[in-house]
All heavy atoms as atom14 arrays in JSON, in Angstrom:
{
  "sequence": "NRDAAQGLDPAFGRGDTPYNRVQGDPEHQPNPCVAPIGPAPL",
  "atom14_mask": [
    [1, 1, 1, 1, 1, 1, 1, 1, 0, 0, 0, 0, 0, 0],
    [1, 1, 1, 1, 1, 1, 1, 1, 1, 1, 1, 0, 0, 0],
    [1, 1, 1, 1, 1, 1, 1, 1, 0, 0, 0, 0, 0, 0],
    [1, 1, 1, 1, 1, 0, 0, 0, 0, 0, 0, 0, 0, 0],
    [1, 1, 1, 1, 1, 0, 0, 0, 0, 0, 0, 0, 0, 0],
    [1, 1, 1, 1, 1, 1, 1, 1, 1, 0, 0, 0, 0, 0],
    [1, 1, 1, 1, 0, 0, 0, 0, 0, 0, 0, 0, 0, 0],
    [1, 1, 1, 1, 1, 1, 1, 1, 0, 0, 0, 0, 0, 0],
    [1, 1, 1, 1, 1, 1, 1, 1, 0, 0, 0, 0, 0, 0],
    [1, 1, 1, 1, 1, 1, 1, 0, 0, 0, 0, 0, 0, 0],
    [1, 1, 1, 1, 1, 0, 0, 0, 0, 0, 0, 0, 0, 0],
    [1, 1, 1, 1, 1, 1, 1, 1, 1, 1, 1, 0, 0, 0],
    [1, 1, 1, 1, 0, 0, 0, 0, 0, 0, 0, 0, 0, 0],
    [1, 1, 1, 1, 1, 1, 1, 1, 1, 1, 1, 0, 0, 0],
    [1, 1, 1, 1, 0, 0, 0, 0, 0, 0, 0, 0, 0, 0],
    [1, 1, 1, 1, 1, 1, 1, 1, 0, 0, 0, 0, 0, 0],
    [1, 1, 1, 1, 1, 1, 1, 0, 0, 0, 0, 0, 0, 0],
    [1, 1, 1, 1, 1, 1, 1, 0, 0, 0, 0, 0, 0, 0],
    [1, 1, 1, 1, 1, 1, 1, 1, 1, 1, 1, 1, 0, 0],
    [1, 1, 1, 1, 1, 1, 1, 1, 0, 0, 0, 0, 0, 0],
    [1, 1, 1, 1, 1, 1, 1, 1, 1, 1, 1, 0, 0, 0],
    [1, 1, 1, 1, 1, 1, 1, 0, 0, 0, 0, 0, 0, 0],
    [1, 1, 1, 1, 1, 1, 1, 1, 1, 0, 0, 0, 0, 0],
    [1, 1, 1, 1, 0, 0, 0, 0, 0, 0, 0, 0, 0, 0],
    [1, 1, 1, 1, 1, 1, 1, 1, 0, 0, 0, 0, 0, 0],
    [1, 1, 1, 1, 1, 1, 1, 0, 0, 0, 0, 0, 0, 0],
    [1, 1, 1, 1, 1, 1, 1, 1, 1, 0, 0, 0, 0, 0],
    [1, 1, 1, 1, 1, 1, 1, 1, 1, 1, 0, 0, 0, 0],
    [1, 1, 1, 1, 1, 1, 1, 1, 1, 0, 0, 0, 0, 0],
    [1, 1, 1, 1, 1, 1, 1, 0, 0, 0, 0, 0, 0, 0],
    [1, 1, 1, 1, 1, 1, 1, 1, 0, 0, 0, 0, 0, 0],
    [1, 1, 1, 1, 1, 1, 1, 0, 0, 0, 0, 0, 0, 0],
    [1, 1, 1, 1, 1, 1, 0, 0, 0, 0, 0, 0, 0, 0],
    [1, 1, 1, 1, 1, 1, 1, 0, 0, 0, 0, 0, 0, 0],
    [1, 1, 1, 1, 1, 0, 0, 0, 0, 0, 0, 0, 0, 0],
    [1, 1, 1, 1, 1, 1, 1, 0, 0, 0, 0, 0, 0, 0],
    [1, 1, 1, 1, 1, 1, 1, 1, 0, 0, 0, 0, 0, 0],
    [1, 1, 1, 1, 0, 0, 0, 0, 0, 0, 0, 0, 0, 0],
    [1, 1, 1, 1, 1, 1, 1, 0, 0, 0, 0, 0, 0, 0],
    [1, 1, 1, 1, 1, 0, 0, 0, 0, 0, 0, 0, 0, 0],
    [1, 1, 1, 1, 1, 1, 1, 0, 0, 0, 0, 0, 0, 0],
    [1, 1, 1, 1, 1, 1, 1, 1, 0, 0, 0, 0, 0, 0]
  ],
  "atom14_positions": [
    [[6.08, -17.64, 6.69], [7.49, -17.33, 6.47], [7.84, -17.21, 5.0], [8.7, -16.39, 4.62], [8.37, -18.4, 7.13], [8.48, -18.21, 8.63], [8.21, -17.14, 9.15], [8.9, -19.26, 9.34], [0.0, 0.0, 0.0], [0.0, 0.0, 0.0], [0.0, 0.0, 0.0], [0.0, 0.0, 0.0], [0.0, 0.0, 0.0], [0.0, 0.0, 0.0]],
    [[7.21, -18.0, 4.15], [7.47, -17.93, 2.71], [7.18, -16.52, 2.19], [7.99, -15.93, 1.46], [6.62, -18.96, 1.98], [6.85, -18.96, 0.46], [5.93, -19.95, -0.24], [4.51, -19.6, -0.06], [3.64, -20.33, 0.65], [4.02, -21.46, 1.23], [2.38, -19.94, 0.76], [0.0, 0.0, 0.0], [0.0, 0.0, 0.0], [0.0, 0.0, 0.0]],
    [[6.05, -15.95, 2.57], [5.7, -14.62, 2.11], [6.43, -13.53, 2.89], [6.79, -12.48, 2.34], [4.19, -14.42, 2.24], [3.39, -15.37, 1.36], [3.78, -15.55, 0.19], [2.4, -15.94, 1.85], [0.0, 0.0, 0.0], [0.0, 0.0, 0.0], [0.0, 0.0, 0.0], [0.0, 0.0, 0.0], [0.0, 0.0, 0.0], [0.0, 0.0, 0.0]],
    [[6.64, -13.77, 4.21], [7.28, -12.76, 5.04], [8.7, -12.47, 4.59], [9.2, -11.35, 4.78], [7.27, -13.22, 6.5], [0.0, 0.0, 0.0], [0.0, 0.0, 0.0], [0.0, 0.0, 0.0], [0.0, 0.0, 0.0], [0.0, 0.0, 0.0], [0.0, 0.0, 0.0], [0.0, 0.0, 0.0], [0.0, 0.0, 0.0], [0.0, 0.0, 0.0]],
    [[9.35, -13.45, 3.97], [10.7, -13.22, 3.47], [10.74, -12.11, 2.42], [11.77, -11.47, 2.22], [11.27, -14.52, 2.87], [0.0, 0.0, 0.0], [0.0, 0.0, 0.0], [0.0, 0.0, 0.0], [0.0, 0.0, 0.0], [0.0, 0.0, 0.0], [0.0, 0.0, 0.0], [0.0, 0.0, 0.0], [0.0, 0.0, 0.0], [0.0, 0.0, 0.0]],
    [[9.59, -11.86, 1.8], [9.47, -10.77, 0.82], [8.78, -9.54, 1.41], [8.47, -8.6, 0.68], [8.67, -11.26, -0.4], [9.17, -12.56, -0.99], [10.6, -12.46, -1.46], [10.99, -11.46, -2.06], [11.4, -13.49, -1.16], [0.0, 0.0, 0.0], [0.0, 0.0, 0.0], [0.0, 0.0, 0.0], [0.0, 0.0, 0.0], [0.0, 0.0, 0.0]],
    [[8.51, -9.57, 2.71], [7.82, -8.46, 3.34], [6.33, -8.43, 3.04], [5.7, -7.37, 3.12], [0.0, 0.0, 0.0], [0.0, 0.0, 0.0], [0.0, 0.0, 0.0], [0.0, 0.0, 0.0], [0.0, 0.0, 0.0], [0.0, 0.0, 0.0], [0.0, 0.0, 0.0], [0.0, 0.0, 0.0], [0.0, 0.0, 0.0], [0.0, 0.0, 0.0]],
    [[5.77, -9.6, 2.72], [4.37, -9.68, 2.3], [3.53, -10.49, 3.28], [4.04, -11.39, 3.96], [4.28, -10.3, 0.91], [5.05, -9.6, -0.21], [4.98, -10.43, -1.49], [4.52, -8.19, -0.44], [0.0, 0.0, 0.0], [0.0, 0.0, 0.0], [0.0, 0.0, 0.0], [0.0, 0.0, 0.0], [0.0, 0.0, 0.0], [0.0, 0.0, 0.0]],
    [[2.25, -10.17, 3.33], [1.29, -10.97, 4.09], [-0.02, -11.02, 3.3], [-1.01, -10.36, 3.64], [1.05, -10.35, 5.47], [0.04, -11.14, 6.31], [-0.11, -12.36, 6.05], [-0.6, -10.54, 7.18], [0.0, 0.0, 0.0], [0.0, 0.0, 0.0], [0.0, 0.0, 0.0], [0.0, 0.0, 0.0], [0.0, 0.0, 0.0], [0.0, 0.0, 0.0]],
    [[-0.03, -11.8, 2.21], [-1.24, -11.85, 1.39], [-2.45, -12.43, 2.13], [-3.59, -12.14, 1.76], [-0.84, -12.74, 0.21], [0.33, -13.54, 0.7], [1.05, -12.65, 1.67], [0.0, 0.0, 0.0], [0.0, 0.0, 0.0], [0.0, 0.0, 0.0], [0.0, 0.0, 0.0], [0.0, 0.0, 0.0], [0.0, 0.0, 0.0], [0.0, 0.0, 0.0]],
    [[-2.22, -13.2, 3.16], [-3.35, -13.81, 3.88], [-4.17, -12.79, 4.65], [-5.41, -12.83, 4.63], [-2.83, -14.9, 4.82], [0.0, 0.0, 0.0], [0.0, 0.0, 0.0], [0.0, 0.0, 0.0], [0.0, 0.0, 0.0], [0.0, 0.0, 0.0], [0.0, 0.0, 0.0], [0.0, 0.0, 0.0], [0.0, 0.0, 0.0], [0.0, 0.0, 0.0]],
    [[-3.5, -11.83, 5.31], [-4.24, -10.89, 6.16], [-3.82, -9.43, 5.97], [-4.44, -8.55, 6.56], [-4.09, -11.28, 7.63], [-4.78, -12.57, 7.97], [-4.08, -13.76, 8.03], [-6.15, -12.61, 8.19], [-4.72, -14.96, 8.32], [-6.8, -13.8, 8.48], [-6.09, -14.98, 8.55], [0.0, 0.0, 0.0], [0.0, 0.0, 0.0], [0.0, 0.0, 0.0]],
    [[-2.8, -9.16, 5.2], [-2.49, -7.78, 4.86], [-1.81, -6.97, 5.93], [-2.04, -5.75, 6.03], [0.0, 0.0, 0.0], [0.0, 0.0, 0.0], [0.0, 0.0, 0.0], [0.0, 0.0, 0.0], [0.0, 0.0, 0.0], [0.0, 0.0, 0.0], [0.0, 0.0, 0.0], [0.0, 0.0, 0.0], [0.0, 0.0, 0.0], [0.0, 0.0, 0.0]],
    [[-0.97, -7.59, 6.75], [-0.2, -6.83, 7.73], [0.59, -5.73, 7.04], [1.26, -5.96, 6.03], [0.77, -7.73, 8.48], [0.17, -8.59, 9.56], [1.22, -9.48, 10.21], [2.17, -8.74, 11.0], [2.27, -8.82, 12.34], [1.46, -9.61, 13.02], [3.17, -8.13, 12.98], [0.0, 0.0, 0.0], [0.0, 0.0, 0.0], [0.0, 0.0, 0.0]],
    [[0.5, -4.51, 7.57], [1.25, -3.39, 7.01], [0.55, -2.67, 5.89], [1.13, -1.76, 5.28], [0.0, 0.0, 0.0], [0.0, 0.0, 0.0], [0.0, 0.0, 0.0], [0.0, 0.0, 0.0], [0.0, 0.0, 0.0], [0.0, 0.0, 0.0], [0.0, 0.0, 0.0], [0.0, 0.0, 0.0], [0.0, 0.0, 0.0], [0.0, 0.0, 0.0]],
    [[-0.7, -3.01, 5.61], [-1.41, -2.41, 4.48], [-2.03, -1.05, 4.79], [-2.5, -0.37, 3.87], [-2.52, -3.35, 3.98], [-1.98, -4.48, 3.12], [-0.75, -4.52, 2.9], [-2.78, -5.32, 2.68], [0.0, 0.0, 0.0], [0.0, 0.0, 0.0], [0.0, 0.0, 0.0], [0.0, 0.0, 0.0], [0.0, 0.0, 0.0], [0.0, 0.0, 0.0]],
    [[-2.12, -0.66, 6.07], [-2.74, 0.62, 6.42], [-1.75, 1.49, 7.17], [-0.8, 1.0, 7.78], [-3.99, 0.41, 7.3], [-3.58, -0.13, 8.56], [-4.99, -0.51, 6.62], [0.0, 0.0, 0.0], [0.0, 0.0, 0.0], [0.0, 0.0, 0.0], [0.0, 0.0, 0.0], [0.0, 0.0, 0.0], [0.0, 0.0, 0.0], [0.0, 0.0, 0.0]],
    [[-1.98, 2.8, 7.16], [-1.1, 3.69, 7.94], [-1.03, 3.32, 9.42], [0.04, 3.39, 10.03], [-1.73, 5.07, 7.73], [-2.4, 4.97, 6.4], [-2.93, 3.57, 6.33], [0.0, 0.0, 0.0], [0.0, 0.0, 0.0], [0.0, 0.0, 0.0], [0.0, 0.0, 0.0], [0.0, 0.0, 0.0], [0.0, 0.0, 0.0], [0.0, 0.0, 0.0]],
    [[-2.17, 2.9, 10.0], [-2.16, 2.53, 11.42], [-1.27, 1.32, 11.64], [-0.47, 1.28, 12.59], [-3.57, 2.24, 11.92], [-3.59, 1.75, 13.35], [-3.41, 2.65, 14.4], [-3.76, 0.4, 13.66], [-3.39, 2.2, 15.72], [-3.75, -0.05, 14.96], [-3.56, 0.86, 15.99], [-3.54, 0.41, 17.29], [0.0, 0.0, 0.0], [0.0, 0.0, 0.0]],
    [[-1.37, 0.31, 10.79], [-0.47, -0.85, 10.89], [0.98, -0.4, 10.9], [1.77, -0.81, 11.76], [-0.67, -1.78, 9.7], [-1.86, -2.71, 9.8], [-2.03, -3.6, 8.97], [-2.7, -2.54, 10.8], [0.0, 0.0, 0.0], [0.0, 0.0, 0.0], [0.0, 0.0, 0.0], [0.0, 0.0, 0.0], [0.0, 0.0, 0.0], [0.0, 0.0, 0.0]],
    [[1.33, 0.43, 9.95], [2.73, 0.8, 9.77], [3.25, 1.65, 10.94], [4.4, 1.49, 11.36], [2.91, 1.53, 8.44], [2.67, 0.61, 7.23], [3.06, 1.26, 5.93], [2.16, 2.32, 5.52], [1.03, 2.14, 4.84], [0.64, 0.91, 4.51], [0.27, 3.16, 4.49], [0.0, 0.0, 0.0], [0.0, 0.0, 0.0], [0.0, 0.0, 0.0]],
    [[2.42, 2.52, 11.47], [2.83, 3.32, 12.63], [3.1, 2.41, 13.83], [4.01, 2.66, 14.63], [1.76, 4.37, 12.97], [1.94, 4.92, 14.37], [1.82, 5.52, 11.98], [0.0, 0.0, 0.0], [0.0, 0.0, 0.0], [0.0, 0.0, 0.0], [0.0, 0.0, 0.0], [0.0, 0.0, 0.0], [0.0, 0.0, 0.0], [0.0, 0.0, 0.0]],
    [[2.32, 1.35, 13.97], [2.48, 0.43, 15.09], [3.67, -0.51, 14.9], [4.15, -1.11, 15.86], [1.21, -0.41, 15.28], [0.01, 0.38, 15.74], [0.16, 0.87, 17.16], [0.51, 2.03, 17.39], [-0.09, 0.01, 18.12], [0.0, 0.0, 0.0], [0.0, 0.0, 0.0], [0.0, 0.0, 0.0], [0.0, 0.0, 0.0], [0.0, 0.0, 0.0]],
    [[4.14, -0.66, 13.68], [5.26, -1.55, 13.4], [6.59, -0.94, 13.77], [6.69, -0.02, 14.6], [0.0, 0.0, 0.0], [0.0, 0.0, 0.0], [0.0, 0.0, 0.0], [0.0, 0.0, 0.0], [0.0, 0.0, 0.0], [0.0, 0.0, 0.0], [0.0, 0.0, 0.0], [0.0, 0.0, 0.0], [0.0, 0.0, 0.0], [0.0, 0.0, 0.0]],
    [[7.65, -1.45, 13.16], [9.01, -0.95, 13.41], [9.49, -0.25, 12.16], [9.79, -0.89, 11.15], [9.93, -2.13, 13.75], [11.34, -1.68, 14.1], [11.7, -0.52, 13.82], [12.1, -2.5, 14.67], [0.0, 0.0, 0.0], [0.0, 0.0, 0.0], [0.0, 0.0, 0.0], [0.0, 0.0, 0.0], [0.0, 0.0, 0.0], [0.0, 0.0, 0.0]],
    [[9.58, 1.09, 12.18], [9.93, 1.83, 10.96], [11.33, 1.5, 10.44], [11.63, 1.76, 9.27], [9.82, 3.3, 11.39], [9.97, 3.28, 12.88], [9.36, 1.99, 13.33], [0.0, 0.0, 0.0], [0.0, 0.0, 0.0], [0.0, 0.0, 0.0], [0.0, 0.0, 0.0], [0.0, 0.0, 0.0], [0.0, 0.0, 0.0], [0.0, 0.0, 0.0]],
    [[12.18, 0.93, 11.3], [13.53, 0.59, 10.85], [13.56, -0.72, 10.07], [14.58, -1.06, 9.47], [14.47, 0.5, 12.06], [14.63, 1.82, 12.78], [15.6, 1.7, 13.95], [16.26, 0.64, 14.07], [15.7, 2.66, 14.73], [0.0, 0.0, 0.0], [0.0, 0.0, 0.0], [0.0, 0.0, 0.0], [0.0, 0.0, 0.0], [0.0, 0.0, 0.0]],
    [[12.46, -1.46, 10.12], [12.42, -2.74, 9.42], [11.69, -2.55, 8.08], [10.53, -2.17, 8.04], [11.69, -3.79, 10.26], [11.64, -5.13, 9.61], [12.68, -6.03, 9.69], [10.68, -5.73, 8.85], [12.35, -7.12, 9.02], [11.16, -6.97, 8.49], [0.0, 0.0, 0.0], [0.0, 0.0, 0.0], [0.0, 0.0, 0.0], [0.0, 0.0, 0.0]],
    [[12.37, -2.82, 7.03], [11.82, -2.64, 5.68], [11.97, -3.93, 4.88], [12.83, -4.76, 5.18], [12.52, -1.47, 4.99], [12.3, -0.12, 5.66], [10.85, 0.3, 5.7], [10.06, -0.01, 4.8], [10.46, 0.98, 6.77], [0.0, 0.0, 0.0], [0.0, 0.0, 0.0], [0.0, 0.0, 0.0], [0.0, 0.0, 0.0], [0.0, 0.0, 0.0]],
    [[11.12, -4.18, 3.86], [10.2, -3.2, 3.27], [8.87, -3.04, 4.0], [8.13, -2.11, 3.71], [9.97, -3.76, 1.86], [10.09, -5.24, 2.05], [11.17, -5.43, 3.07], [0.0, 0.0, 0.0], [0.0, 0.0, 0.0], [0.0, 0.0, 0.0], [0.0, 0.0, 0.0], [0.0, 0.0, 0.0], [0.0, 0.0, 0.0], [0.0, 0.0, 0.0]],
    [[8.56, -3.93, 4.91], [7.27, -3.87, 5.61], [7.54, -3.82, 7.11], [8.05, -4.79, 7.68], [6.43, -5.09, 5.26], [5.01, -5.01, 5.8], [4.75, -4.37, 6.82], [4.07, -5.66, 5.13], [0.0, 0.0, 0.0], [0.0, 0.0, 0.0], [0.0, 0.0, 0.0], [0.0, 0.0, 0.0], [0.0, 0.0, 0.0], [0.0, 0.0, 0.0]],
    [[7.22, -2.71, 7.78], [7.53, -2.58, 9.21], [6.76, -3.53, 10.11], [7.03, -3.58, 11.32], [7.17, -1.12, 9.51], [6.17, -0.74, 8.48], [6.55, -1.51, 7.25], [0.0, 0.0, 0.0], [0.0, 0.0, 0.0], [0.0, 0.0, 0.0], [0.0, 0.0, 0.0], [0.0, 0.0, 0.0], [0.0, 0.0, 0.0], [0.0, 0.0, 0.0]],
    [[5.82, -4.28, 9.54], [5.0, -5.2, 10.34], [5.26, -6.67, 10.05], [4.65, -7.53, 10.69], [3.5, -4.91, 10.1], [3.0, -3.23, 10.48], [0.0, 0.0, 0.0], [0.0, 0.0, 0.0], [0.0, 0.0, 0.0], [0.0, 0.0, 0.0], [0.0, 0.0, 0.0], [0.0, 0.0, 0.0], [0.0, 0.0, 0.0], [0.0, 0.0, 0.0]],
    [[6.14, -6.96, 9.1], [6.29, -8.35, 8.64], [7.76, -8.75, 8.62], [8.6, -8.07, 8.03], [5.67, -8.55, 7.24], [5.96, -9.95, 6.72], [4.17, -8.3, 7.28], [0.0, 0.0, 0.0], [0.0, 0.0, 0.0], [0.0, 0.0, 0.0], [0.0, 0.0, 0.0], [0.0, 0.0, 0.0], [0.0, 0.0, 0.0], [0.0, 0.0, 0.0]],
    [[8.05, -9.9, 9.27], [9.36, -10.53, 9.18], [9.17, -12.02, 9.41], [8.23, -12.43, 10.11], [10.32, -9.95, 10.23], [0.0, 0.0, 0.0], [0.0, 0.0, 0.0], [0.0, 0.0, 0.0], [0.0, 0.0, 0.0], [0.0, 0.0, 0.0], [0.0, 0.0, 0.0], [0.0, 0.0, 0.0], [0.0, 0.0, 0.0], [0.0, 0.0, 0.0]],
    [[10.03, -12.85, 8.86], [9.92, -14.29, 9.11], [10.11, -14.61, 10.59], [10.78, -13.86, 11.33], [11.05, -14.88, 8.27], [11.36, -13.85, 7.24], [11.1, -12.53, 7.89], [0.0, 0.0, 0.0], [0.0, 0.0, 0.0], [0.0, 0.0, 0.0], [0.0, 0.0, 0.0], [0.0, 0.0, 0.0], [0.0, 0.0, 0.0], [0.0, 0.0, 0.0]],
    [[9.53, -15.71, 11.02], [9.68, -16.2, 12.4], [10.64, -17.38, 12.38], [10.42, -18.36, 11.69], [8.32, -16.61, 12.98], [7.39, -15.4, 13.04], [8.48, -17.23, 14.36], [5.97, -15.74, 13.43], [0.0, 0.0, 0.0], [0.0, 0.0, 0.0], [0.0, 0.0, 0.0], [0.0, 0.0, 0.0], [0.0, 0.0, 0.0], [0.0, 0.0, 0.0]],
    [[11.68, -17.3, 13.2], [12.67, -18.36, 13.27], [14.05, -17.77, 13.15], [14.21, -16.58, 12.85], [0.0, 0.0, 0.0], [0.0, 0.0, 0.0], [0.0, 0.0, 0.0], [0.0, 0.0, 0.0], [0.0, 0.0, 0.0], [0.0, 0.0, 0.0], [0.0, 0.0, 0.0], [0.0, 0.0, 0.0], [0.0, 0.0, 0.0], [0.0, 0.0, 0.0]],
    [[15.07, -18.56, 13.44], [15.0, -19.97, 13.82], [14.53, -20.17, 15.26], [14.38, -19.22, 16.01], [16.46, -20.43, 13.66], [17.26, -19.2, 14.0], [16.46, -18.05, 13.42], [0.0, 0.0, 0.0], [0.0, 0.0, 0.0], [0.0, 0.0, 0.0], [0.0, 0.0, 0.0], [0.0, 0.0, 0.0], [0.0, 0.0, 0.0], [0.0, 0.0, 0.0]],
    [[14.29, -21.45, 15.63], [13.91, -21.79, 16.99], [15.1, -21.49, 17.92], [16.25, -21.41, 17.46], [13.52, -23.26, 17.06], [0.0, 0.0, 0.0], [0.0, 0.0, 0.0], [0.0, 0.0, 0.0], [0.0, 0.0, 0.0], [0.0, 0.0, 0.0], [0.0, 0.0, 0.0], [0.0, 0.0, 0.0], [0.0, 0.0, 0.0], [0.0, 0.0, 0.0]],
    [[14.84, -21.28, 19.23], [13.58, -21.58, 19.92], [12.49, -20.56, 19.63], [12.76, -19.4, 19.32], [13.99, -21.54, 21.4], [15.13, -20.57, 21.45], [15.89, -20.8, 20.17], [0.0, 0.0, 0.0], [0.0, 0.0, 0.0], [0.0, 0.0, 0.0], [0.0, 0.0, 0.0], [0.0, 0.0, 0.0], [0.0, 0.0, 0.0], [0.0, 0.0, 0.0]],
    [[11.26, -21.05, 19.76], [10.08, -20.21, 19.6], [9.41, -20.05, 20.96], [9.52, -20.89, 21.85], [9.12, -20.84, 18.6], [9.66, -21.14, 17.2], [8.56, -21.74, 16.32], [10.25, -19.89, 16.56], [0.0, 0.0, 0.0], [0.0, 0.0, 0.0], [0.0, 0.0, 0.0], [0.0, 0.0, 0.0], [0.0, 0.0, 0.0], [0.0, 0.0, 0.0]]
  ]
}
């Protein structure tokens, strides 16, 4: 969540390839594959 708040995933690179981005949500920026998780319930 700390990195996702900035649209980043330094651990595994979600959104780093065209295939990732096509599979994500183009309306969600800056990274169509990354968003924080929460609040609960989970």
